Amino acid sequence: YTELVKLAEGKSVIVNCDIEQDFKMTPAQLEA
């Protein structure tokens, strides 16, 4: 994913979602 974004000259914004949240992004994280 991040490499394809590089090819398109975009910028990857990474949101960490660890095992404590079952590796899933929350709505609050998305909004932020």
PDB file of all heavy atoms in Angstrom:
ATOM      1  N   TYR A   1       0.820  -1.217   0.000  1.00  0.00           N
ATOM      2  CA  TYR A   1       0.000   0.000   0.000  1.00  0.00           C
ATOM      3  C   TYR A   1       0.854   1.267   0.000  1.00  0.00           C
ATOM      4  O   TYR A   1       0.672   2.166  -0.821  1.00  0.00           O
ATOM      5  CB  TYR A   1      -0.933   0.042   1.220  1.00  0.00           C
ATOM      6  CG  TYR A   1      -1.973  -1.049   1.295  1.00  0.00           C
ATOM      7  CD1 TYR A   1      -2.426  -1.511   2.526  1.00  0.00           C
ATOM      8  CD2 TYR A   1      -2.519  -1.610   0.142  1.00  0.00           C
ATOM      9  CE1 TYR A   1      -3.391  -2.500   2.617  1.00  0.00           C
ATOM     10  CE2 TYR A   1      -3.479  -2.605   0.231  1.00  0.00           C
ATOM     11  CZ  TYR A   1      -3.908  -3.054   1.472  1.00  0.00           C
ATOM     12  OH  TYR A   1      -4.854  -4.042   1.559  1.00  0.00           O
ATOM     13  N   THR A   2       1.780   1.354   0.939  1.00  0.00           N
ATOM     14  CA  THR A   2       2.575   2.581   1.064  1.00  0.00           C
ATOM     15  C   THR A   2       3.464   2.795  -0.150  1.00  0.00           C
ATOM     16  O   THR A   2       3.713   3.940  -0.553  1.00  0.00           O
ATOM     17  CB  THR A   2       3.433   2.543   2.341  1.00  0.00           C
ATOM     18  OG1 THR A   2       4.189   1.327   2.368  1.00  0.00           O
ATOM     19  CG2 THR A   2       2.560   2.630   3.579  1.00  0.00           C
ATOM     20  N   GLU A   3       3.925   1.713  -0.753  1.00  0.00           N
ATOM     21  CA  GLU A   3       4.796   1.847  -1.919  1.00  0.00           C
ATOM     22  C   GLU A   3       4.019   2.350  -3.139  1.00  0.00           C
ATOM     23  O   GLU A   3       4.535   3.145  -3.941  1.00  0.00           O
ATOM     24  CB  GLU A   3       5.470   0.503  -2.225  1.00  0.00           C
ATOM     25  CG  GLU A   3       6.275  -0.053  -1.054  1.00  0.00           C
ATOM     26  CD  GLU A   3       7.257   0.952  -0.475  1.00  0.00           C
ATOM     27  OE1 GLU A   3       8.070   1.511  -1.238  1.00  0.00           O
ATOM     28  OE2 GLU A   3       7.195   1.200   0.753  1.00  0.00           O
ATOM     29  N   LEU A   4       2.779   1.911  -3.281  1.00  0.00           N
ATOM     30  CA  LEU A   4       1.950   2.413  -4.386  1.00  0.00           C
ATOM     31  C   LEU A   4       1.622   3.891  -4.195  1.00  0.00           C
ATOM     32  O   LEU A   4       1.561   4.651  -5.174  1.00  0.00           O
ATOM     33  CB  LEU A   4       0.663   1.588  -4.498  1.00  0.00           C
ATOM     34  CG  LEU A   4       0.830   0.146  -4.971  1.00  0.00           C
ATOM     35  CD1 LEU A   4      -0.519  -0.579  -4.959  1.00  0.00           C
ATOM     36  CD2 LEU A   4       1.439   0.079  -6.363  1.00  0.00           C
ATOM     37  N   VAL A   5       1.415   4.290  -2.942  1.00  0.00           N
ATOM     38  CA  VAL A   5       1.184   5.711  -2.670  1.00  0.00           C
ATOM     39  C   VAL A   5       2.426   6.527  -3.049  1.00  0.00           C
ATOM     40  O   VAL A   5       2.325   7.616  -3.621  1.00  0.00           O
ATOM     41  CB  VAL A   5       0.795   5.928  -1.197  1.00  0.00           C
ATOM     42  CG1 VAL A   5       0.733   7.427  -0.856  1.00  0.00           C
ATOM     43  CG2 VAL A   5      -0.552   5.276  -0.897  1.00  0.00           C
ATOM     44  N   LYS A   6       3.613   5.984  -2.750  1.00  0.00           N
ATOM     45  CA  LYS A   6       4.854   6.649  -3.172  1.00  0.00           C
ATOM     46  C   LYS A   6       4.898   6.824  -4.685  1.00  0.00           C
ATOM     47  O   LYS A   6       5.281   7.878  -5.196  1.00  0.00           O
ATOM     48  CB  LYS A   6       6.074   5.828  -2.741  1.00  0.00           C
ATOM     49  CG  LYS A   6       6.480   5.941  -1.302  1.00  0.00           C
ATOM     50  CD  LYS A   6       7.756   5.114  -1.101  1.00  0.00           C
ATOM     51  CE  LYS A   6       8.057   4.886   0.357  1.00  0.00           C
ATOM     52  NZ  LYS A   6       9.227   3.984   0.530  1.00  0.00           N
ATOM     53  N   LEU A   7       4.537   5.764  -5.410  1.00  0.00           N
ATOM     54  CA  LEU A   7       4.554   5.828  -6.878  1.00  0.00           C
ATOM     55  C   LEU A   7       3.651   6.937  -7.392  1.00  0.00           C
ATOM     56  O   LEU A   7       3.954   7.584  -8.396  1.00  0.00           O
ATOM     57  CB  LEU A   7       4.115   4.489  -7.474  1.00  0.00           C
ATOM     58  CG  LEU A   7       5.192   3.442  -7.738  1.00  0.00           C
ATOM     59  CD1 LEU A   7       4.562   2.195  -8.334  1.00  0.00           C
ATOM     60  CD2 LEU A   7       6.272   3.981  -8.683  1.00  0.00           C
ATOM     61  N   ALA A   8       2.533   7.127  -6.717  1.00  0.00           N
ATOM     62  CA  ALA A   8       1.582   8.168  -7.124  1.00  0.00           C
ATOM     63  C   ALA A   8       1.979   9.548  -6.585  1.00  0.00           C
ATOM     64  O   ALA A   8       1.271  10.523  -6.827  1.00  0.00           O
ATOM     65  CB  ALA A   8       0.183   7.809  -6.636  1.00  0.00           C
ATOM     66  N   GLU A   9       3.103   9.597  -5.852  1.00  0.00           N
ATOM     67  CA  GLU A   9       3.616  10.839  -5.259  1.00  0.00           C
ATOM     68  C   GLU A   9       2.671  11.409  -4.202  1.00  0.00           C
ATOM     69  O   GLU A   9       2.627  12.616  -3.964  1.00  0.00           O
ATOM     70  CB  GLU A   9       3.935  11.879  -6.333  1.00  0.00           C
ATOM     71  CG  GLU A   9       5.003  11.411  -7.310  1.00  0.00           C
ATOM     72  CD  GLU A   9       5.319  12.446  -8.366  1.00  0.00           C
ATOM     73  OE1 GLU A   9       5.760  13.555  -8.018  1.00  0.00           O
ATOM     74  OE2 GLU A   9       5.124  12.140  -9.559  1.00  0.00           O
ATOM     75  N   GLY A  10       1.925  10.511  -3.578  1.00  0.00           N
ATOM     76  CA  GLY A  10       1.098  10.903  -2.449  1.00  0.00           C
ATOM     77  C   GLY A  10       1.853  10.720  -1.142  1.00  0.00           C
ATOM     78  O   GLY A  10       3.026  10.331  -1.126  1.00  0.00           O
ATOM     79  N   LYS A  11       1.168  10.978  -0.040  1.00  0.00           N
ATOM     80  CA  LYS A  11       1.767  10.853   1.290  1.00  0.00           C
ATOM     81  C   LYS A  11       0.921   9.902   2.131  1.00  0.00           C
ATOM     82  O   LYS A  11      -0.281  10.119   2.311  1.00  0.00           O
ATOM     83  CB  LYS A  11       1.841  12.222   1.979  1.00  0.00           C
ATOM     84  CG  LYS A  11       2.392  12.159   3.396  1.00  0.00           C
ATOM     85  CD  LYS A  11       2.284  13.507   4.099  1.00  0.00           C
ATOM     86  CE  LYS A  11       2.734  13.400   5.556  1.00  0.00           C
ATOM     87  NZ  LYS A  11       2.509  14.676   6.295  1.00  0.00           N
ATOM     88  N   SER A  12       1.556   8.851   2.642  1.00  0.00           N
ATOM     89  CA  SER A  12       0.856   7.909   3.520  1.00  0.00           C
ATOM     90  C   SER A  12       0.760   8.478   4.930  1.00  0.00           C
ATOM     91  O   SER A  12       1.769   8.920   5.494  1.00  0.00           O
ATOM     92  CB  SER A  12       1.587   6.565   3.565  1.00  0.00           C
ATOM     93  OG  SER A  12       1.558   5.931   2.298  1.00  0.00           O
ATOM     94  N   VAL A  13      -0.446   8.467   5.476  1.00  0.00           N
ATOM     95  CA  VAL A  13      -0.675   8.882   6.867  1.00  0.00           C
ATOM     96  C   VAL A  13      -1.022   7.614   7.646  1.00  0.00           C
ATOM     97  O   VAL A  13      -2.098   7.031   7.464  1.00  0.00           O
ATOM     98  CB  VAL A  13      -1.814   9.910   6.960  1.00  0.00           C
ATOM     99  CG1 VAL A  13      -2.108  10.252   8.418  1.00  0.00           C
ATOM    100  CG2 VAL A  13      -1.456  11.174   6.172  1.00  0.00           C
ATOM    101  N   ILE A  14      -0.096   7.162   8.467  1.00  0.00           N
ATOM    102  CA  ILE A  14      -0.224   5.871   9.131  1.00  0.00           C
ATOM    103  C   ILE A  14      -0.916   6.026  10.488  1.00  0.00           C
ATOM    104  O   ILE A  14      -0.548   6.886  11.286  1.00  0.00           O
ATOM    105  CB  ILE A  14       1.161   5.209   9.320  1.00  0.00           C
ATOM    106  CG1 ILE A  14       1.920   5.141   7.987  1.00  0.00           C
ATOM    107  CG2 ILE A  14       1.011   3.833   9.934  1.00  0.00           C
ATOM    108  CD1 ILE A  14       1.182   4.409   6.881  1.00  0.00           C
ATOM    109  N   VAL A  15      -1.919   5.195  10.709  1.00  0.00           N
ATOM    110  CA  VAL A  15      -2.660   5.181  11.980  1.00  0.00           C
ATOM    111  C   VAL A  15      -2.389   3.841  12.662  1.00  0.00           C
ATOM    112  O   VAL A  15      -2.792   2.790  12.154  1.00  0.00           O
ATOM    113  CB  VAL A  15      -4.170   5.374  11.736  1.00  0.00           C
ATOM    114  CG1 VAL A  15      -4.930   5.292  13.060  1.00  0.00           C
ATOM    115  CG2 VAL A  15      -4.449   6.692  11.027  1.00  0.00           C
ATOM    116  N   ASN A  16      -1.695   3.865  13.795  1.00  0.00           N
ATOM    117  CA  ASN A  16      -1.335   2.623  14.482  1.00  0.00           C
ATOM    118  C   ASN A  16      -2.534   2.003  15.184  1.00  0.00           C
ATOM    119  O   ASN A  16      -3.230   2.665  15.950  1.00  0.00           O
ATOM    120  CB  ASN A  16      -0.225   2.874  15.501  1.00  0.00           C
ATOM    121  CG  ASN A  16       1.128   3.068  14.841  1.00  0.00           C
ATOM    122  OD1 ASN A  16       1.339   2.620  13.718  1.00  0.00           O
ATOM    123  ND2 ASN A  16       2.045   3.733  15.514  1.00  0.00           N
ATOM    124  N   CYS A  17      -2.745   0.716  14.914  1.00  0.00           N
ATOM    125  CA  CYS A  17      -3.866  -0.035  15.495  1.00  0.00           C
ATOM    126  C   CYS A  17      -3.294  -1.358  16.011  1.00  0.00           C
ATOM    127  O   CYS A  17      -3.157  -2.320  15.249  1.00  0.00           O
ATOM    128  CB  CYS A  17      -4.955  -0.286  14.452  1.00  0.00           C
ATOM    129  SG  CYS A  17      -5.521   1.204  13.597  1.00  0.00           S
ATOM    130  N   ASP A  18      -2.956  -1.425  17.284  1.00  0.00           N
ATOM    131  CA  ASP A  18      -2.237  -2.585  17.793  1.00  0.00           C
ATOM    132  C   ASP A  18      -3.178  -3.692  18.249  1.00  0.00           C
ATOM    133  O   ASP A  18      -4.402  -3.625  18.074  1.00  0.00           O
ATOM    134  CB  ASP A  18      -1.259  -2.183  18.891  1.00  0.00           C
ATOM    135  CG  ASP A  18      -1.952  -1.616  20.129  1.00  0.00           C
ATOM    136  OD1 ASP A  18      -3.183  -1.806  20.279  1.00  0.00           O
ATOM    137  OD2 ASP A  18      -1.260  -0.993  20.953  1.00  0.00           O
ATOM    138  N   ILE A  19      -2.587  -4.700  18.873  1.00  0.00           N
ATOM    139  CA  ILE A  19      -3.352  -5.893  19.246  1.00  0.00           C
ATOM    140  C   ILE A  19      -4.425  -5.580  20.280  1.00  0.00           C
ATOM    141  O   ILE A  19      -5.455  -6.273  20.338  1.00  0.00           O
ATOM    142  CB  ILE A  19      -2.388  -6.999  19.756  1.00  0.00           C
ATOM    143  CG1 ILE A  19      -3.082  -8.371  19.755  1.00  0.00           C
ATOM    144  CG2 ILE A  19      -1.817  -6.652  21.123  1.00  0.00           C
ATOM    145  CD1 ILE A  19      -2.123  -9.533  19.966  1.00  0.00           C
ATOM    146  N   GLU A  20      -4.227  -4.539  21.077  1.00  0.00           N
ATOM    147  CA  GLU A  20      -5.201  -4.193  22.117  1.00  0.00           C
ATOM    148  C   GLU A  20      -6.542  -3.775  21.510  1.00  0.00           C
ATOM    149  O   GLU A  20      -7.579  -3.888  22.166  1.00  0.00           O
ATOM    150  CB  GLU A  20      -4.663  -3.068  23.007  1.00  0.00           C
ATOM    151  CG  GLU A  20      -3.347  -3.392  23.702  1.00  0.00           C
ATOM    152  CD  GLU A  20      -3.422  -4.633  24.582  1.00  0.00           C
ATOM    153  OE1 GLU A  20      -4.519  -4.923  25.100  1.00  0.00           O
ATOM    154  OE2 GLU A  20      -2.393  -5.315  24.741  1.00  0.00           O
ATOM    155  N   GLN A  21      -6.524  -3.271  20.280  1.00  0.00           N
ATOM    156  CA  GLN A  21      -7.771  -2.905  19.597  1.00  0.00           C
ATOM    157  C   GLN A  21      -8.041  -3.843  18.421  1.00  0.00           C
ATOM    158  O   GLN A  21      -8.750  -3.497  17.481  1.00  0.00           O
ATOM    159  CB  GLN A  21      -7.735  -1.448  19.145  1.00  0.00           C
ATOM    160  CG  GLN A  21      -6.622  -1.081  18.189  1.00  0.00           C
ATOM    161  CD  GLN A  21      -6.441   0.423  18.052  1.00  0.00           C
ATOM    162  OE1 GLN A  21      -5.812   1.070  18.884  1.00  0.00           O
ATOM    163  NE2 GLN A  21      -7.022   0.995  16.999  1.00  0.00           N
ATOM    164  N   ASP A  22      -7.470  -5.042  18.524  1.00  0.00           N
ATOM    165  CA  ASP A  22      -7.663  -6.080  17.510  1.00  0.00           C
ATOM    166  C   ASP A  22      -7.244  -5.593  16.128  1.00  0.00           C
ATOM    167  O   ASP A  22      -7.813  -6.000  15.115  1.00  0.00           O
ATOM    168  CB  ASP A  22      -9.123  -6.562  17.500  1.00  0.00           C
ATOM    169  CG  ASP A  22      -9.274  -7.915  16.822  1.00  0.00           C
ATOM    170  OD1 ASP A  22      -8.264  -8.642  16.723  1.00  0.00           O
ATOM    171  OD2 ASP A  22     -10.391  -8.233  16.376  1.00  0.00           O
ATOM    172  N   PHE A  23      -6.260  -4.705  16.084  1.00  0.00           N
ATOM    173  CA  PHE A  23      -5.663  -4.219  14.841  1.00  0.00           C
ATOM    174  C   PHE A  23      -6.659  -3.480  13.942  1.00  0.00           C
ATOM    175  O   PHE A  23      -6.497  -3.439  12.724  1.00  0.00           O
ATOM    176  CB  PHE A  23      -5.027  -5.372  14.051  1.00  0.00           C
ATOM    177  CG  PHE A  23      -4.050  -6.196  14.839  1.00  0.00           C
ATOM    178  CD1 PHE A  23      -4.337  -7.515  15.190  1.00  0.00           C
ATOM    179  CD2 PHE A  23      -2.834  -5.660  15.236  1.00  0.00           C
ATOM    180  CE1 PHE A  23      -3.422  -8.279  15.910  1.00  0.00           C
ATOM    181  CE2 PHE A  23      -1.909  -6.416  15.963  1.00  0.00           C
ATOM    182  CZ  PHE A  23      -2.208  -7.731  16.296  1.00  0.00           C
ATOM    183  N   LYS A  24      -7.692  -2.877  14.542  1.00  0.00           N
ATOM    184  CA  LYS A  24      -8.714  -2.182  13.749  1.00  0.00           C
ATOM    185  C   LYS A  24      -8.789  -0.708  14.140  1.00  0.00           C
ATOM    186  O   LYS A  24      -8.727  -0.367  15.318  1.00  0.00           O
ATOM    187  CB  LYS A  24     -10.083  -2.852  13.936  1.00  0.00           C
ATOM    188  CG  LYS A  24     -10.147  -4.238  13.293  1.00  0.00           C
ATOM    189  CD  LYS A  24     -11.486  -4.908  13.472  1.00  0.00           C
ATOM    190  CE  LYS A  24     -11.699  -5.461  14.861  1.00  0.00           C
ATOM    191  NZ  LYS A  24     -12.880  -6.336  14.938  1.00  0.00           N
ATOM    192  N   MET A  25      -8.949   0.145  13.141  1.00  0.00           N
ATOM    193  CA  MET A  25      -9.021   1.581  13.356  1.00  0.00           C
ATOM    194  C   MET A  25     -10.384   1.981  13.898  1.00  0.00           C
ATOM    195  O   MET A  25     -11.416   1.488  13.449  1.00  0.00           O
ATOM    196  CB  MET A  25      -8.758   2.302  12.028  1.00  0.00           C
ATOM    197  CG  MET A  25      -8.723   3.812  12.128  1.00  0.00           C
ATOM    198  SD  MET A  25      -8.197   4.559  10.567  1.00  0.00           S
ATOM    199  CE  MET A  25      -9.475   3.932   9.466  1.00  0.00           C
ATOM    200  N   THR A  26     -10.386   2.889  14.855  1.00  0.00           N
ATOM    201  CA  THR A  26     -11.638   3.382  15.416  1.00  0.00           C
ATOM    202  C   THR A  26     -12.108   4.619  14.645  1.00  0.00           C
ATOM    203  O   THR A  26     -11.302   5.304  13.999  1.00  0.00           O
ATOM    204  CB  THR A  26     -11.452   3.765  16.892  1.00  0.00           C
ATOM    205  OG1 THR A  26     -10.553   4.888  16.974  1.00  0.00           O
ATOM    206  CG2 THR A  26     -10.895   2.594  17.704  1.00  0.00           C
ATOM    207  N   PRO A  27     -13.394   4.936  14.730  1.00  0.00           N
ATOM    208  CA  PRO A  27     -13.873   6.179  14.105  1.00  0.00           C
ATOM    209  C   PRO A  27     -13.131   7.411  14.607  1.00  0.00           C
ATOM    210  O   PRO A  27     -12.840   8.332  13.832  1.00  0.00           O
ATOM    211  CB  PRO A  27     -15.356   6.211  14.489  1.00  0.00           C
ATOM    212  CG  PRO A  27     -15.735   4.770  14.666  1.00  0.00           C
ATOM    213  CD  PRO A  27     -14.522   4.125  15.252  1.00  0.00           C
ATOM    214  N   ALA A  28     -12.807   7.438  15.897  1.00  0.00           N
ATOM    215  CA  ALA A  28     -12.081   8.589  16.455  1.00  0.00           C
ATOM    216  C   ALA A  28     -10.695   8.719  15.834  1.00  0.00           C
ATOM    217  O   ALA A  28     -10.235   9.833  15.536  1.00  0.00           O
ATOM    218  CB  ALA A  28     -11.973   8.456  17.970  1.00  0.00           C
ATOM    219  N   GLN A  29     -10.025   7.598  15.626  1.00  0.00           N
ATOM    220  CA  GLN A  29      -8.706   7.632  14.979  1.00  0.00           C
ATOM    221  C   GLN A  29      -8.816   8.124  13.538  1.00  0.00           C
ATOM    222  O   GLN A  29      -7.975   8.894  13.066  1.00  0.00           O
ATOM    223  CB  GLN A  29      -8.057   6.243  14.995  1.00  0.00           C
ATOM    224  CG  GLN A  29      -7.513   5.822  16.344  1.00  0.00           C
ATOM    225  CD  GLN A  29      -6.894   4.439  16.295  1.00  0.00           C
ATOM    226  OE1 GLN A  29      -7.548   3.461  15.906  1.00  0.00           O
ATOM    227  NE2 GLN A  29      -5.630   4.334  16.670  1.00  0.00           N
ATOM    228  N   LEU A  30      -9.840   7.666  12.836  1.00  0.00           N
ATOM    229  CA  LEU A  30     -10.040   8.112  11.466  1.00  0.00           C
ATOM    230  C   LEU A  30     -10.280   9.619  11.420  1.00  0.00           C
ATOM    231  O   LEU A  30      -9.654  10.345  10.630  1.00  0.00           O
ATOM    232  CB  LEU A  30     -11.220   7.363  10.841  1.00  0.00           C
ATOM    233  CG  LEU A  30     -11.666   7.842   9.458  1.00  0.00           C
ATOM    234  CD1 LEU A  30     -10.527   7.756   8.446  1.00  0.00           C
ATOM    235  CD2 LEU A  30     -12.876   7.033   8.983  1.00  0.00           C
ATOM    236  N   GLU A  31     -11.176  10.088  12.263  1.00  0.00           N
ATOM    237  CA  GLU A  31     -11.494  11.519  12.286  1.00  0.00           C
ATOM    238  C   GLU A  31     -10.248  12.355  12.572  1.00  0.00           C
ATOM    239  O   GLU A  31     -10.009  13.394  11.930  1.00  0.00           O
ATOM    240  CB  GLU A  31     -12.561  11.791  13.352  1.00  0.00           C
ATOM    241  CG  GLU A  31     -13.099  13.210  13.372  1.00  0.00           C
ATOM    242  CD  GLU A  31     -14.086  13.496  12.258  1.00  0.00           C
ATOM    243  OE1 GLU A  31     -15.253  13.060  12.356  1.00  0.00           O
ATOM    244  OE2 GLU A  31     -13.675  14.168  11.287  1.00  0.00           O
ATOM    245  N   ALA A  32      -9.429  11.883  13.509  1.00  0.00           N
ATOM    246  CA  ALA A  32      -8.228  12.628  13.896  1.00  0.00           C
ATOM    247  C   ALA A  32      -7.189  12.667  12.773  1.00  0.00           C
ATOM    248  O   ALA A  32      -6.373  13.603  12.706  1.00  0.00           O
ATOM    249  CB  ALA A  32      -7.615  12.021  15.153  1.00  0.00           C
TER     250      ALA A  32
END
